[in-house]
N, C-alpha and C. Protein backbone atom coordinates (compact mmCIF):
# COMPACT_ATOMS: atom_id res chain seq x y z
N UNK A 1 -20.55 154.33 14.04
CA UNK A 1 -19.15 154.51 14.40
C UNK A 1 -19.09 155.23 15.78
N UNK A 2 -18.43 154.63 16.68
CA UNK A 2 -18.32 155.19 18.04
C UNK A 2 -17.24 156.22 18.06
N UNK A 3 -17.55 157.49 18.31
CA UNK A 3 -16.57 158.57 18.31
C UNK A 3 -16.25 158.93 19.74
N UNK A 4 -15.07 158.55 20.24
CA UNK A 4 -14.72 158.88 21.64
C UNK A 4 -14.45 160.37 21.77
N UNK A 5 -14.97 160.90 22.91
CA UNK A 5 -14.85 162.35 23.13
C UNK A 5 -14.19 162.58 24.46
N UNK A 6 -13.19 163.46 24.48
CA UNK A 6 -12.46 163.83 25.67
C UNK A 6 -12.70 165.32 25.87
N UNK A 7 -12.32 165.84 27.03
CA UNK A 7 -12.41 167.31 27.21
C UNK A 7 -11.08 167.78 27.71
N UNK A 8 -10.60 168.92 27.15
CA UNK A 8 -9.43 169.61 27.67
C UNK A 8 -9.87 171.04 27.88
N UNK A 9 -9.82 171.51 29.13
CA UNK A 9 -10.26 172.88 29.47
C UNK A 9 -11.61 173.20 28.90
N UNK A 10 -12.52 172.27 28.94
CA UNK A 10 -13.89 172.50 28.40
C UNK A 10 -14.05 172.45 26.92
N UNK A 11 -12.97 172.14 26.21
CA UNK A 11 -13.02 171.98 24.76
C UNK A 11 -13.24 170.48 24.45
N UNK A 12 -14.19 170.17 23.59
CA UNK A 12 -14.44 168.80 23.24
C UNK A 12 -13.40 168.32 22.22
N UNK A 13 -12.79 167.15 22.49
CA UNK A 13 -11.81 166.55 21.59
C UNK A 13 -12.42 165.28 21.09
N UNK A 14 -12.73 165.24 19.81
CA UNK A 14 -13.32 164.04 19.22
C UNK A 14 -12.26 163.25 18.42
N UNK A 15 -12.04 162.02 18.75
CA UNK A 15 -11.06 161.21 18.01
C UNK A 15 -11.71 160.43 16.90
N UNK A 16 -11.26 160.62 15.68
CA UNK A 16 -11.77 159.89 14.55
C UNK A 16 -11.33 158.46 14.77
N UNK A 17 -12.24 157.47 14.91
CA UNK A 17 -11.93 156.13 15.37
C UNK A 17 -11.56 155.17 14.26
N UNK A 18 -11.29 155.65 13.03
CA UNK A 18 -11.01 154.74 11.92
C UNK A 18 -9.67 155.10 11.28
N UNK A 19 -9.14 154.12 10.51
CA UNK A 19 -7.87 154.34 9.81
C UNK A 19 -8.09 155.08 8.48
N UNK A 20 -9.29 154.86 7.90
CA UNK A 20 -9.60 155.49 6.64
C UNK A 20 -10.97 156.17 6.73
N UNK A 21 -11.02 157.40 6.23
CA UNK A 21 -12.28 158.13 6.14
C UNK A 21 -12.57 158.38 4.68
N UNK A 22 -13.48 157.56 4.14
CA UNK A 22 -13.70 157.64 2.69
C UNK A 22 -15.17 157.46 2.37
N UNK A 23 -15.47 157.22 1.10
CA UNK A 23 -16.87 157.12 0.68
C UNK A 23 -17.65 156.05 1.44
N UNK A 24 -16.93 155.01 1.89
CA UNK A 24 -17.63 153.91 2.57
C UNK A 24 -18.15 154.25 3.96
N UNK A 25 -17.54 155.26 4.60
CA UNK A 25 -17.94 155.55 6.00
C UNK A 25 -18.13 157.04 6.30
N UNK A 26 -17.97 157.93 5.28
CA UNK A 26 -18.08 159.37 5.53
C UNK A 26 -19.52 159.74 5.97
N UNK A 27 -20.53 159.10 5.40
CA UNK A 27 -21.93 159.39 5.79
C UNK A 27 -22.15 159.02 7.26
N UNK A 28 -21.64 157.88 7.64
CA UNK A 28 -21.82 157.40 9.04
C UNK A 28 -21.04 158.39 9.98
N UNK A 29 -19.89 158.82 9.58
CA UNK A 29 -19.10 159.80 10.38
C UNK A 29 -19.90 161.08 10.54
N UNK A 30 -20.43 161.62 9.43
CA UNK A 30 -21.23 162.87 9.57
C UNK A 30 -22.46 162.67 10.50
N UNK A 31 -23.12 161.51 10.35
CA UNK A 31 -24.27 161.27 11.19
C UNK A 31 -23.89 161.21 12.67
N UNK A 32 -22.81 160.50 12.95
CA UNK A 32 -22.41 160.29 14.33
C UNK A 32 -21.78 161.55 14.91
N UNK A 33 -21.27 162.46 14.11
CA UNK A 33 -20.75 163.75 14.57
C UNK A 33 -21.85 164.70 14.92
N UNK A 34 -23.09 164.48 14.36
CA UNK A 34 -24.23 165.39 14.55
C UNK A 34 -24.48 165.83 15.99
N UNK A 35 -24.62 164.88 16.92
CA UNK A 35 -24.87 165.26 18.33
C UNK A 35 -23.75 166.05 18.94
N UNK A 36 -22.46 165.71 18.53
CA UNK A 36 -21.33 166.49 19.04
C UNK A 36 -21.36 167.90 18.55
N UNK A 37 -21.73 168.10 17.28
CA UNK A 37 -21.78 169.42 16.72
C UNK A 37 -22.94 170.23 17.34
N UNK A 38 -24.01 169.53 17.76
CA UNK A 38 -25.13 170.20 18.41
C UNK A 38 -24.74 170.68 19.81
N UNK A 39 -23.94 169.84 20.50
CA UNK A 39 -23.66 170.06 21.90
C UNK A 39 -22.47 171.00 22.15
N UNK A 40 -21.63 171.23 21.13
CA UNK A 40 -20.43 171.99 21.28
C UNK A 40 -20.30 173.09 20.23
N UNK A 41 -19.65 174.18 20.58
CA UNK A 41 -19.31 175.17 19.59
C UNK A 41 -17.84 175.17 19.26
N UNK A 42 -17.07 174.64 20.20
CA UNK A 42 -15.57 174.55 19.98
C UNK A 42 -15.20 173.08 20.04
N UNK A 43 -14.69 172.61 18.91
CA UNK A 43 -14.43 171.16 18.80
C UNK A 43 -13.06 170.96 18.15
N UNK A 44 -12.29 170.00 18.69
CA UNK A 44 -11.06 169.59 18.09
C UNK A 44 -11.26 168.16 17.54
N UNK A 45 -10.86 167.95 16.30
CA UNK A 45 -10.94 166.62 15.69
C UNK A 45 -9.53 166.04 15.69
N UNK A 46 -9.36 164.95 16.45
CA UNK A 46 -8.07 164.24 16.51
C UNK A 46 -7.97 163.25 15.40
N UNK A 47 -7.07 163.44 14.43
CA UNK A 47 -6.99 162.61 13.31
C UNK A 47 -5.79 161.65 13.38
N UNK A 48 -5.28 161.42 14.59
CA UNK A 48 -4.04 160.64 14.73
C UNK A 48 -4.18 159.19 14.28
N UNK A 49 -5.38 158.66 14.32
CA UNK A 49 -5.55 157.23 13.82
C UNK A 49 -5.68 157.20 12.30
N UNK A 50 -6.04 158.29 11.68
CA UNK A 50 -6.37 158.34 10.27
C UNK A 50 -5.13 158.28 9.39
N UNK A 51 -5.12 157.32 8.44
CA UNK A 51 -4.02 157.20 7.51
C UNK A 51 -4.42 157.52 6.08
N UNK A 52 -5.74 157.53 5.83
CA UNK A 52 -6.17 157.79 4.46
C UNK A 52 -7.50 158.54 4.54
N UNK A 53 -7.65 159.57 3.68
CA UNK A 53 -8.92 160.29 3.58
C UNK A 53 -9.13 160.59 2.08
N UNK A 54 -10.34 160.43 1.62
CA UNK A 54 -10.65 160.80 0.26
C UNK A 54 -11.57 162.02 0.21
N UNK A 55 -12.07 162.38 -0.96
CA UNK A 55 -12.87 163.60 -1.06
C UNK A 55 -14.16 163.54 -0.24
N UNK A 56 -14.73 162.33 -0.05
CA UNK A 56 -15.87 162.17 0.80
C UNK A 56 -15.55 162.50 2.22
N UNK A 57 -14.41 162.01 2.68
CA UNK A 57 -13.96 162.27 4.08
C UNK A 57 -13.66 163.76 4.27
N UNK A 58 -13.01 164.37 3.29
CA UNK A 58 -12.76 165.84 3.37
C UNK A 58 -14.05 166.60 3.43
N UNK A 59 -15.03 166.15 2.61
CA UNK A 59 -16.36 166.79 2.58
C UNK A 59 -17.04 166.68 3.90
N UNK A 60 -16.90 165.57 4.56
CA UNK A 60 -17.56 165.33 5.86
C UNK A 60 -16.92 166.27 6.87
N UNK A 61 -15.61 166.47 6.85
CA UNK A 61 -14.95 167.39 7.80
C UNK A 61 -15.38 168.84 7.50
N UNK A 62 -15.47 169.18 6.23
CA UNK A 62 -15.90 170.54 5.86
C UNK A 62 -17.30 170.77 6.34
N UNK A 63 -18.16 169.74 6.25
CA UNK A 63 -19.52 169.86 6.71
C UNK A 63 -19.56 170.15 8.22
N UNK A 64 -18.76 169.48 8.98
CA UNK A 64 -18.62 169.75 10.46
C UNK A 64 -18.20 171.19 10.67
N UNK A 65 -17.22 171.61 9.93
CA UNK A 65 -16.72 173.00 10.10
C UNK A 65 -17.87 174.01 9.79
N UNK A 66 -18.57 173.77 8.68
CA UNK A 66 -19.64 174.67 8.31
C UNK A 66 -20.74 174.71 9.40
N UNK A 67 -21.13 173.55 9.95
CA UNK A 67 -22.12 173.55 10.96
C UNK A 67 -21.72 174.32 12.20
N UNK A 68 -20.49 174.18 12.60
CA UNK A 68 -19.95 174.95 13.77
C UNK A 68 -19.83 176.43 13.46
N UNK A 69 -19.36 176.76 12.29
CA UNK A 69 -19.22 178.18 11.88
C UNK A 69 -20.60 178.86 11.86
N UNK A 70 -21.62 178.12 11.49
CA UNK A 70 -22.95 178.72 11.38
C UNK A 70 -23.42 179.17 12.73
N UNK A 71 -22.93 178.56 13.84
CA UNK A 71 -23.31 179.04 15.16
C UNK A 71 -22.17 179.69 15.91
N UNK A 72 -21.30 180.35 15.10
CA UNK A 72 -20.10 181.07 15.65
C UNK A 72 -19.15 180.18 16.41
N UNK A 73 -19.07 178.92 16.04
CA UNK A 73 -18.13 178.04 16.63
C UNK A 73 -16.94 177.81 15.69
N UNK A 74 -16.08 176.85 16.05
CA UNK A 74 -14.90 176.59 15.27
C UNK A 74 -14.46 175.11 15.42
N UNK A 75 -13.81 174.63 14.43
CA UNK A 75 -13.30 173.26 14.42
C UNK A 75 -11.81 173.35 14.15
N UNK A 76 -11.02 172.68 14.98
CA UNK A 76 -9.54 172.63 14.75
C UNK A 76 -9.16 171.17 14.62
N UNK A 77 -8.12 170.93 13.87
CA UNK A 77 -7.69 169.54 13.63
C UNK A 77 -6.33 169.34 14.27
N UNK A 78 -6.01 168.12 14.66
CA UNK A 78 -4.73 167.77 15.22
C UNK A 78 -4.38 166.33 14.86
N UNK A 79 -3.06 166.05 15.00
CA UNK A 79 -2.59 164.67 14.85
C UNK A 79 -2.62 164.15 13.41
N UNK A 80 -2.46 165.00 12.43
CA UNK A 80 -2.46 164.51 11.05
C UNK A 80 -1.21 163.71 10.75
N UNK A 81 -1.38 162.57 10.10
CA UNK A 81 -0.21 161.80 9.64
C UNK A 81 0.38 162.52 8.45
N UNK A 82 1.57 162.11 8.04
CA UNK A 82 2.25 162.70 6.86
C UNK A 82 1.38 162.61 5.65
N UNK A 83 0.77 161.43 5.40
CA UNK A 83 -0.02 161.26 4.20
C UNK A 83 -1.27 162.16 4.22
N UNK A 84 -1.92 162.23 5.36
CA UNK A 84 -3.15 163.06 5.46
C UNK A 84 -2.76 164.54 5.34
N UNK A 85 -1.70 164.92 5.99
CA UNK A 85 -1.24 166.35 5.91
C UNK A 85 -0.90 166.69 4.47
N UNK A 86 -0.24 165.75 3.78
CA UNK A 86 0.13 165.95 2.35
C UNK A 86 -1.09 166.19 1.51
N UNK A 87 -2.15 165.41 1.72
CA UNK A 87 -3.36 165.55 0.99
C UNK A 87 -4.03 166.91 1.28
N UNK A 88 -4.08 167.29 2.55
CA UNK A 88 -4.69 168.57 2.96
C UNK A 88 -3.95 169.70 2.22
N UNK A 89 -2.64 169.62 2.14
CA UNK A 89 -1.87 170.67 1.44
C UNK A 89 -2.10 170.67 -0.02
N UNK A 90 -2.18 169.43 -0.59
CA UNK A 90 -2.41 169.29 -2.02
C UNK A 90 -3.70 169.98 -2.47
N UNK A 91 -4.74 169.78 -1.70
CA UNK A 91 -6.07 170.34 -2.02
C UNK A 91 -6.35 171.66 -1.30
N UNK A 92 -5.29 172.23 -0.69
CA UNK A 92 -5.36 173.52 -0.05
C UNK A 92 -6.31 173.56 1.17
N UNK A 93 -6.59 172.43 1.78
CA UNK A 93 -7.48 172.38 2.89
C UNK A 93 -6.77 172.93 4.15
N UNK A 94 -5.46 172.96 4.17
CA UNK A 94 -4.71 173.49 5.30
C UNK A 94 -4.91 174.98 5.40
N UNK A 95 -5.52 175.64 4.39
CA UNK A 95 -5.82 177.06 4.47
C UNK A 95 -7.22 177.28 5.06
N UNK A 96 -8.02 176.21 5.10
CA UNK A 96 -9.38 176.35 5.57
C UNK A 96 -9.45 175.96 7.05
N UNK A 97 -8.73 174.90 7.38
CA UNK A 97 -8.70 174.36 8.75
C UNK A 97 -7.50 174.85 9.56
N UNK A 98 -7.70 175.09 10.86
CA UNK A 98 -6.56 175.31 11.73
C UNK A 98 -6.00 173.98 12.14
N UNK A 99 -4.75 173.70 11.87
CA UNK A 99 -4.16 172.37 12.10
C UNK A 99 -3.04 172.49 13.14
N UNK A 100 -3.11 171.61 14.15
CA UNK A 100 -2.11 171.61 15.23
C UNK A 100 -1.50 170.25 15.39
N UNK A 101 -0.34 170.18 16.01
CA UNK A 101 0.38 168.91 16.22
C UNK A 101 -0.33 168.05 17.26
N UNK A 102 -0.77 168.63 18.38
CA UNK A 102 -1.36 167.85 19.45
C UNK A 102 -2.72 168.38 19.81
N UNK A 103 -3.52 167.53 20.49
CA UNK A 103 -4.86 168.01 20.93
C UNK A 103 -4.75 169.13 21.96
N UNK A 104 -3.68 169.06 22.76
CA UNK A 104 -3.50 170.12 23.77
C UNK A 104 -3.25 171.49 23.11
N UNK A 105 -2.42 171.48 22.05
CA UNK A 105 -2.13 172.71 21.33
C UNK A 105 -3.42 173.23 20.69
N UNK A 106 -4.15 172.35 20.12
CA UNK A 106 -5.42 172.74 19.43
C UNK A 106 -6.39 173.32 20.42
N UNK A 107 -6.55 172.64 21.59
CA UNK A 107 -7.48 173.13 22.60
C UNK A 107 -7.07 174.47 23.11
N UNK A 108 -5.79 174.65 23.39
CA UNK A 108 -5.29 175.92 23.90
C UNK A 108 -5.42 177.07 22.91
N UNK A 109 -5.43 176.72 21.60
CA UNK A 109 -5.55 177.72 20.52
C UNK A 109 -6.87 178.44 20.62
N UNK A 110 -7.86 177.81 21.22
CA UNK A 110 -9.21 178.49 21.33
C UNK A 110 -9.13 179.63 22.29
N UNK A 111 -8.11 179.63 23.20
CA UNK A 111 -8.04 180.69 24.21
C UNK A 111 -9.12 180.45 25.25
N UNK A 112 -9.22 181.33 26.22
CA UNK A 112 -10.20 181.15 27.29
C UNK A 112 -10.99 182.40 27.47
């Protein structure tokens, strides 16, 4: 899975390139996020294309957060659709992740 990466003020913005993040592609997502997690400590995950996520997808995002946290980094999320935001709230993931409306807001939240 090709994960496009942008930079805003030196913060890496990775766009999840699929409509659904589930058991069928969560492993591939984690694998392809590996180099990004190695190269950055501050990362924003842009979920604006994502319309569905299951427990495997949530687990993959948590894994990314854990890897960054282990090296004093952080992961912020942006662009959640109504459905994805609803799921995050249902399983209380909105208490674990910092969630922003836009990638610019998320990047600026890291401060400088």
